Amino acid sequence: MENPQASIIEQIPPDDWEKTPPRVKKLVESMAERIESLEQQALELLSRQPSFFLQLSTINCLRSIEQRANFPPPSSRRIFRTELGVKH
């Protein structure tokens, strides 16, 4: 069974890899690097996701409160949202 943590190249049996033409090896190596890069980017985005959803939830709560009470004034909302790092 394949090791999910092994690189893509390491999962190819050595006998098969030796029979692979050089041009195909180069393409497979390039694709493997690209996959690893994209996986790393996906992990980075997933690590930021909880923070983003917390900010979004906070903003939605503020909007709900503002709609009910028509408070605080717009300038205060901008200041608070700026502190959260949210673009207008």
C-alpha atoms as a PDB file:
ATOM      1  CA  MET A   1       0.000   0.000   0.000  1.00  0.00           C
ATOM      2  CA  GLU A   2       1.236   3.505  -0.827  1.00  0.00           C
ATOM      3  CA  ASN A   3       2.428   5.811   1.930  1.00  0.00           C
ATOM      4  CA  PRO A   4       0.311   9.001   1.711  1.00  0.00           C
ATOM      5  CA  GLN A   5       3.199  11.020   3.198  1.00  0.00           C
ATOM      6  CA  ALA A   6       5.714   9.796   0.586  1.00  0.00           C
ATOM      7  CA  SER A   7       6.376  12.082  -2.349  1.00  0.00           C
ATOM      8  CA  ILE A   8       4.756  11.180  -5.631  1.00  0.00           C
ATOM      9  CA  ILE A   9       8.078  10.094  -7.134  1.00  0.00           C
ATOM     10  CA  GLU A  10       8.814   7.831  -4.156  1.00  0.00           C
ATOM     11  CA  GLN A  11       5.517   6.040  -4.763  1.00  0.00           C
ATOM     12  CA  ILE A  12       6.635   4.868  -8.213  1.00  0.00           C
ATOM     13  CA  PRO A  13       8.313   1.456  -8.057  1.00  0.00           C
ATOM     14  CA  PRO A  14      12.064   1.764  -8.852  1.00  0.00           C
ATOM     15  CA  ASP A  15      11.817  -0.724 -11.742  1.00  0.00           C
ATOM     16  CA  ASP A  16       9.061   1.316 -13.397  1.00  0.00           C
ATOM     17  CA  TRP A  17      10.934   4.583 -12.813  1.00  0.00           C
ATOM     18  CA  GLU A  18      14.074   3.199 -14.482  1.00  0.00           C
ATOM     19  CA  LYS A  19      12.038   2.240 -17.551  1.00  0.00           C
ATOM     20  CA  THR A  20      10.520   5.712 -17.794  1.00  0.00           C
ATOM     21  CA  PRO A  21      11.895   7.894 -20.609  1.00  0.00           C
ATOM     22  CA  PRO A  22      13.838  11.003 -19.431  1.00  0.00           C
ATOM     23  CA  ARG A  23      11.295  13.449 -20.920  1.00  0.00           C
ATOM     24  CA  VAL A  24       8.471  11.741 -19.042  1.00  0.00           C
ATOM     25  CA  LYS A  25      10.521  11.696 -15.824  1.00  0.00           C
ATOM     26  CA  LYS A  26      11.083  15.432 -16.128  1.00  0.00           C
ATOM     27  CA  LEU A  27       7.357  16.041 -16.669  1.00  0.00           C
ATOM     28  CA  VAL A  28       6.377  13.822 -13.718  1.00  0.00           C
ATOM     29  CA  GLU A  29       8.929  15.559 -11.471  1.00  0.00           C
ATOM     30  CA  SER A  30       7.607  18.965 -12.535  1.00  0.00           C
ATOM     31  CA  MET A  31       4.013  17.909 -11.883  1.00  0.00           C
ATOM     32  CA  ALA A  32       4.977  16.438  -8.496  1.00  0.00           C
ATOM     33  CA  GLU A  33       6.602  19.737  -7.473  1.00  0.00           C
ATOM     34  CA  ARG A  34       3.502  21.638  -8.589  1.00  0.00           C
ATOM     35  CA  ILE A  35       1.210  19.324  -6.624  1.00  0.00           C
ATOM     36  CA  GLU A  36       3.317  19.692  -3.489  1.00  0.00           C
ATOM     37  CA  SER A  37       3.306  23.477  -3.901  1.00  0.00           C
ATOM     38  CA  LEU A  38      -0.485  23.567  -4.337  1.00  0.00           C
ATOM     39  CA  GLU A  39      -0.977  21.295  -1.318  1.00  0.00           C
ATOM     40  CA  GLN A  40       1.153  23.658   0.769  1.00  0.00           C
ATOM     41  CA  GLN A  41      -0.877  26.652  -0.444  1.00  0.00           C
ATOM     42  CA  ALA A  42      -4.113  24.834   0.419  1.00  0.00           C
ATOM     43  CA  LEU A  43      -2.858  24.097   3.941  1.00  0.00           C
ATOM     44  CA  GLU A  44      -1.879  27.735   4.377  1.00  0.00           C
ATOM     45  CA  LEU A  45      -5.332  28.911   3.284  1.00  0.00           C
ATOM     46  CA  LEU A  46      -7.045  26.404   5.554  1.00  0.00           C
ATOM     47  CA  SER A  47      -4.976  27.619   8.499  1.00  0.00           C
ATOM     48  CA  ARG A  48      -6.278  31.160   7.907  1.00  0.00           C
ATOM     49  CA  GLN A  49      -9.891  30.053   7.507  1.00  0.00           C
ATOM     50  CA  PRO A  50     -10.935  30.069  11.213  1.00  0.00           C
ATOM     51  CA  SER A  51      -9.693  33.638  11.658  1.00  0.00           C
ATOM     52  CA  PHE A  52     -11.552  34.765   8.544  1.00  0.00           C
ATOM     53  CA  PHE A  53     -14.819  33.169   9.650  1.00  0.00           C
ATOM     54  CA  LEU A  54     -14.467  34.668  13.126  1.00  0.00           C
ATOM     55  CA  GLN A  55     -14.069  38.137  11.600  1.00  0.00           C
ATOM     56  CA  LEU A  56     -16.990  37.534   9.250  1.00  0.00           C
ATOM     57  CA  SER A  57     -19.163  36.326  12.129  1.00  0.00           C
ATOM     58  CA  THR A  58     -18.218  39.373  14.205  1.00  0.00           C
ATOM     59  CA  ILE A  59     -19.084  41.730  11.355  1.00  0.00           C
ATOM     60  CA  ASN A  60     -22.420  39.994  10.772  1.00  0.00           C
ATOM     61  CA  CYS A  61     -23.236  40.272  14.485  1.00  0.00           C
ATOM     62  CA  LEU A  62     -22.346  43.955  14.443  1.00  0.00           C
ATOM     63  CA  ARG A  63     -24.550  44.535  11.407  1.00  0.00           C
ATOM     64  CA  SER A  64     -27.431  42.789  13.125  1.00  0.00           C
ATOM     65  CA  ILE A  65     -27.003  44.901  16.253  1.00  0.00           C
ATOM     66  CA  GLU A  66     -26.640  48.069  14.181  1.00  0.00           C
ATOM     67  CA  GLN A  67     -29.808  47.300  12.258  1.00  0.00           C
ATOM     68  CA  ARG A  68     -31.807  46.713  15.439  1.00  0.00           C
ATOM     69  CA  ALA A  69     -30.539  49.716  17.355  1.00  0.00           C
ATOM     70  CA  ASN A  70     -29.358  51.895  14.488  1.00  0.00           C
ATOM     71  CA  PHE A  71     -26.154  52.340  16.501  1.00  0.00           C
ATOM     72  CA  PRO A  72     -23.167  53.124  16.512  1.00  0.00           C
ATOM     73  CA  PRO A  73     -22.692  55.994  14.084  1.00  0.00           C
ATOM     74  CA  PRO A  74     -21.016  55.146  10.757  1.00  0.00           C
ATOM     75  CA  SER A  75     -17.650  56.654  11.743  1.00  0.00           C
ATOM     76  CA  SER A  76     -17.406  54.340  14.784  1.00  0.00           C
ATOM     77  CA  ARG A  77     -18.231  51.319  12.629  1.00  0.00           C
ATOM     78  CA  ARG A  78     -15.398  52.169  10.287  1.00  0.00           C
ATOM     79  CA  ILE A  79     -12.939  52.466  13.165  1.00  0.00           C
ATOM     80  CA  PHE A  80     -13.959  49.107  14.637  1.00  0.00           C
ATOM     81  CA  ARG A  81     -13.835  47.353  11.272  1.00  0.00           C
ATOM     82  CA  THR A  82     -10.418  48.869  10.594  1.00  0.00           C
ATOM     83  CA  GLU A  83      -9.203  47.414  13.908  1.00  0.00           C
ATOM     84  CA  LEU A  84     -10.438  43.997  12.734  1.00  0.00           C
ATOM     85  CA  GLY A  85      -8.536  44.416   9.490  1.00  0.00           C
ATOM     86  CA  VAL A  86     -11.687  44.440   7.370  1.00  0.00           C
ATOM     87  CA  LYS A  87     -11.751  46.474   4.165  1.00  0.00           C
ATOM     88  CA  HIS A  88     -14.696  48.808   3.578  1.00  0.00           C
END
